[in-house]
């Protein structure tokens, strides 16, 4: 009995470690030194990343609610159309914000660059899922009852969640690193 409990614990720990490597893999490639000199553009990039992160969080929350309601078949055609239009608007806003960040990317810290780089593929996949759902609904008004439509909606949520999670982890890491440098560099009185 103890052997089985220990074995389950080891498997759970191994899975947790493996998943943390997947989430933090961008850090393996980034120079994570917080001691480098800050450029004038980096505080602006940090502010824009915070705005992008807030928009990504709102998008994820909206899509979580939408995907949940869609799974329960509790939405009308009109509700689906409204939610998809809202998702498209959020994706367009995120795209605009990310394009602005990408122009500033070379001036950012390594962690800011990693956050910007990691956001692009998830935003592109999110946009693809939104477009697929919109086209599917426009081609057949009853398609929201079919599994393919549900998969597109669930894919929207998954990509929005991945987008937010990665950007949030990288920006939080940078903020924590900066705080650690600031705290340790202060003179004690």
Protein backbone atom coordinates (compact mmCIF):
# COMPACT_ATOMS: atom_id res chain seq x y z
CA UNK A 1 0.00 0.00 0.00
CA UNK A 2 2.79 2.41 0.90
CA UNK A 3 4.58 1.53 -2.34
CA UNK A 4 1.48 2.43 -4.41
CA UNK A 5 1.02 5.73 -2.56
CA UNK A 6 4.69 6.61 -3.05
CA UNK A 7 4.52 5.63 -6.70
CA UNK A 8 1.44 7.81 -7.28
CA UNK A 9 3.14 10.70 -5.51
CA UNK A 10 6.25 10.31 -7.69
CA UNK A 11 4.16 10.21 -10.87
CA UNK A 12 2.23 13.32 -9.81
CA UNK A 13 5.47 15.17 -8.98
CA UNK A 14 7.00 14.10 -12.31
CA UNK A 15 3.95 15.35 -14.19
CA UNK A 16 4.07 18.67 -12.34
CA UNK A 17 7.75 19.12 -13.13
CA UNK A 18 7.24 18.20 -16.79
CA UNK A 19 4.36 20.67 -17.14
CA UNK A 20 6.43 23.44 -15.55
CA UNK A 21 9.14 22.85 -18.16
CA UNK A 22 6.55 23.28 -20.91
CA UNK A 23 5.28 26.53 -19.43
CA UNK A 24 8.71 27.95 -18.65
CA UNK A 25 10.48 26.79 -21.82
CA UNK A 26 10.66 30.36 -23.17
CA UNK A 27 12.80 31.21 -20.16
CA UNK A 28 15.37 28.62 -21.14
CA UNK A 29 16.16 30.61 -24.26
CA UNK A 30 15.92 34.05 -22.70
CA UNK A 31 18.66 35.94 -20.94
CA UNK A 32 16.86 36.42 -17.65
CA UNK A 33 19.35 38.78 -16.06
CA UNK A 34 17.56 41.61 -14.30
CA UNK A 35 20.78 43.50 -13.80
CA UNK A 36 21.08 44.82 -17.33
CA UNK A 37 20.65 48.54 -17.84
CA UNK A 38 17.12 49.62 -18.66
CA UNK A 39 16.47 51.44 -21.90
CA UNK A 40 13.99 54.29 -22.17
CA UNK A 41 11.56 52.08 -24.14
CA UNK A 42 11.38 49.25 -21.59
CA UNK A 43 8.98 50.94 -19.14
CA UNK A 44 6.70 51.78 -22.11
CA UNK A 45 6.88 48.16 -23.28
CA UNK A 46 6.06 47.00 -19.75
CA UNK A 47 2.97 49.23 -19.68
CA UNK A 48 1.84 48.01 -23.10
CA UNK A 49 2.42 44.40 -22.06
CA UNK A 50 0.25 45.02 -18.98
CA UNK A 51 -2.51 46.40 -21.21
CA UNK A 52 -2.14 43.42 -23.57
CA UNK A 53 -2.25 41.04 -20.62
CA UNK A 54 -5.45 42.65 -19.26
CA UNK A 55 -7.10 42.38 -22.69
CA UNK A 56 -5.97 38.73 -22.94
CA UNK A 57 -7.41 38.02 -19.47
CA UNK A 58 -10.77 39.58 -20.37
CA UNK A 59 -10.82 37.67 -23.66
CA UNK A 60 -10.05 34.41 -21.86
CA UNK A 61 -12.77 35.03 -19.27
CA UNK A 62 -15.33 35.90 -21.95
CA UNK A 63 -14.44 32.82 -23.98
CA UNK A 64 -14.54 30.62 -20.87
CA UNK A 65 -18.12 31.74 -20.20
CA UNK A 66 -19.04 31.35 -23.86
CA UNK A 67 -17.49 27.88 -24.21
CA UNK A 68 -19.22 26.73 -21.04
CA UNK A 69 -22.62 27.97 -22.21
CA UNK A 70 -22.04 26.48 -25.67
CA UNK A 71 -21.18 23.07 -24.16
CA UNK A 72 -24.48 23.10 -22.27
CA UNK A 73 -26.40 23.95 -25.47
CA UNK A 74 -27.94 26.87 -23.63
CA UNK A 75 -27.43 29.48 -26.36
CA UNK A 76 -29.55 30.60 -29.25
CA UNK A 77 -28.23 31.37 -32.72
CA UNK A 78 -28.33 35.07 -31.85
CA UNK A 79 -26.26 34.51 -28.70
CA UNK A 80 -23.65 32.56 -30.66
CA UNK A 81 -23.45 35.35 -33.23
CA UNK A 82 -23.08 37.97 -30.49
CA UNK A 83 -20.34 36.01 -28.68
CA UNK A 84 -18.43 35.33 -31.89
CA UNK A 85 -18.59 38.99 -32.87
CA UNK A 86 -17.27 39.95 -29.43
CA UNK A 87 -14.48 37.36 -29.75
CA UNK A 88 -13.55 38.76 -33.17
CA UNK A 89 -13.39 42.29 -31.76
CA UNK A 90 -11.19 41.13 -28.88
CA UNK A 91 -8.87 39.27 -31.24
CA UNK A 92 -8.61 42.36 -33.46
CA UNK A 93 -7.76 44.51 -30.43
CA UNK A 94 -5.18 41.98 -29.25
CA UNK A 95 -3.71 41.90 -32.77
CA UNK A 96 -3.38 45.67 -32.83
CA UNK A 97 -1.77 45.73 -29.38
CA UNK A 98 0.63 42.92 -30.31
CA UNK A 99 1.68 44.63 -33.56
CA UNK A 100 2.59 47.73 -31.55
CA UNK A 101 4.58 45.57 -29.13
CA UNK A 102 6.35 43.80 -31.98
CA UNK A 103 7.62 47.12 -33.32
CA UNK A 104 9.16 47.85 -29.91
CA UNK A 105 10.40 44.28 -29.41
CA UNK A 106 14.11 44.91 -30.21
CA UNK A 107 14.29 47.53 -27.46
CA UNK A 108 12.73 45.28 -24.80
CA UNK A 109 14.34 43.13 -22.16
CA UNK A 110 14.86 39.47 -22.93
CA UNK A 111 11.76 38.59 -20.91
CA UNK A 112 9.65 41.24 -22.65
CA UNK A 113 10.84 39.88 -26.00
CA UNK A 114 9.98 36.34 -24.89
CA UNK A 115 6.45 37.43 -23.85
CA UNK A 116 5.90 39.14 -27.21
CA UNK A 117 7.32 36.18 -29.14
CA UNK A 118 5.24 33.62 -27.21
CA UNK A 119 2.01 35.59 -27.69
CA UNK A 120 2.04 35.55 -31.51
CA UNK A 121 1.38 31.84 -32.23
CA UNK A 122 -1.45 31.64 -29.69
CA UNK A 123 -3.09 34.78 -31.00
CA UNK A 124 -2.85 33.45 -34.56
CA UNK A 125 -4.45 30.13 -33.53
CA UNK A 126 -7.12 31.97 -31.55
CA UNK A 127 -7.93 34.07 -34.62
CA UNK A 128 -8.12 30.89 -36.73
CA UNK A 129 -10.60 29.28 -34.32
CA UNK A 130 -12.75 32.42 -34.21
CA UNK A 131 -12.76 32.64 -38.01
CA UNK A 132 -13.62 28.93 -38.35
CA UNK A 133 -16.54 29.27 -35.94
CA UNK A 134 -17.85 32.40 -37.71
CA UNK A 135 -17.61 30.83 -41.17
CA UNK A 136 -19.20 27.60 -39.94
CA UNK A 137 -22.10 29.48 -38.37
CA UNK A 138 -22.59 31.66 -41.46
CA UNK A 139 -22.62 28.64 -43.79
CA UNK A 140 -25.17 26.68 -41.76
CA UNK A 141 -27.29 28.43 -39.14
CA UNK A 142 -27.81 25.16 -37.24
CA UNK A 143 -24.10 24.28 -37.17
CA UNK A 144 -23.78 25.43 -33.56
CA UNK A 145 -25.36 22.11 -32.63
CA UNK A 146 -22.56 20.07 -34.24
CA UNK A 147 -19.34 18.81 -32.65
CA UNK A 148 -17.07 20.64 -35.12
CA UNK A 149 -18.48 23.97 -34.04
CA UNK A 150 -18.04 23.03 -30.38
CA UNK A 151 -14.42 22.10 -31.05
CA UNK A 152 -13.78 25.50 -32.62
CA UNK A 153 -15.32 27.25 -29.60
CA UNK A 154 -13.30 25.11 -27.17
CA UNK A 155 -10.18 25.80 -29.25
CA UNK A 156 -10.83 29.52 -28.90
CA UNK A 157 -10.84 29.21 -25.13
CA UNK A 158 -7.75 26.97 -25.02
CA UNK A 159 -5.70 29.40 -27.13
CA UNK A 160 -6.92 32.43 -25.16
CA UNK A 161 -5.96 30.65 -21.95
CA UNK A 162 -2.49 29.72 -23.27
CA UNK A 163 -1.95 33.25 -24.55
CA UNK A 164 -2.83 34.81 -21.21
CA UNK A 165 -0.97 32.22 -19.12
CA UNK A 166 2.31 32.57 -20.98
CA UNK A 167 2.30 36.36 -21.13
CA UNK A 168 1.28 36.54 -17.47
CA UNK A 169 4.01 34.14 -16.35
CA UNK A 170 6.74 35.98 -18.25
CA UNK A 171 5.67 39.46 -17.17
CA UNK A 172 5.24 38.34 -13.55
CA UNK A 173 8.70 36.79 -13.62
CA UNK A 174 10.22 40.02 -14.92
CA UNK A 175 8.40 42.11 -12.31
CA UNK A 176 9.54 39.77 -9.53
CA UNK A 177 13.09 39.83 -10.83
CA UNK A 178 13.07 43.65 -10.91
CA UNK A 179 11.65 43.79 -7.38
CA UNK A 180 14.33 41.41 -6.16
CA UNK A 181 17.06 43.57 -7.69
CA UNK A 182 15.51 46.75 -6.25
CA UNK A 183 15.16 45.25 -2.77
CA UNK A 184 18.64 43.78 -2.63
CA UNK A 185 20.29 46.93 -3.99
CA UNK A 186 18.77 49.24 -1.36
CA UNK A 187 21.03 50.33 1.43
CA UNK A 188 19.85 49.31 4.88
CA UNK A 189 19.62 52.15 7.36
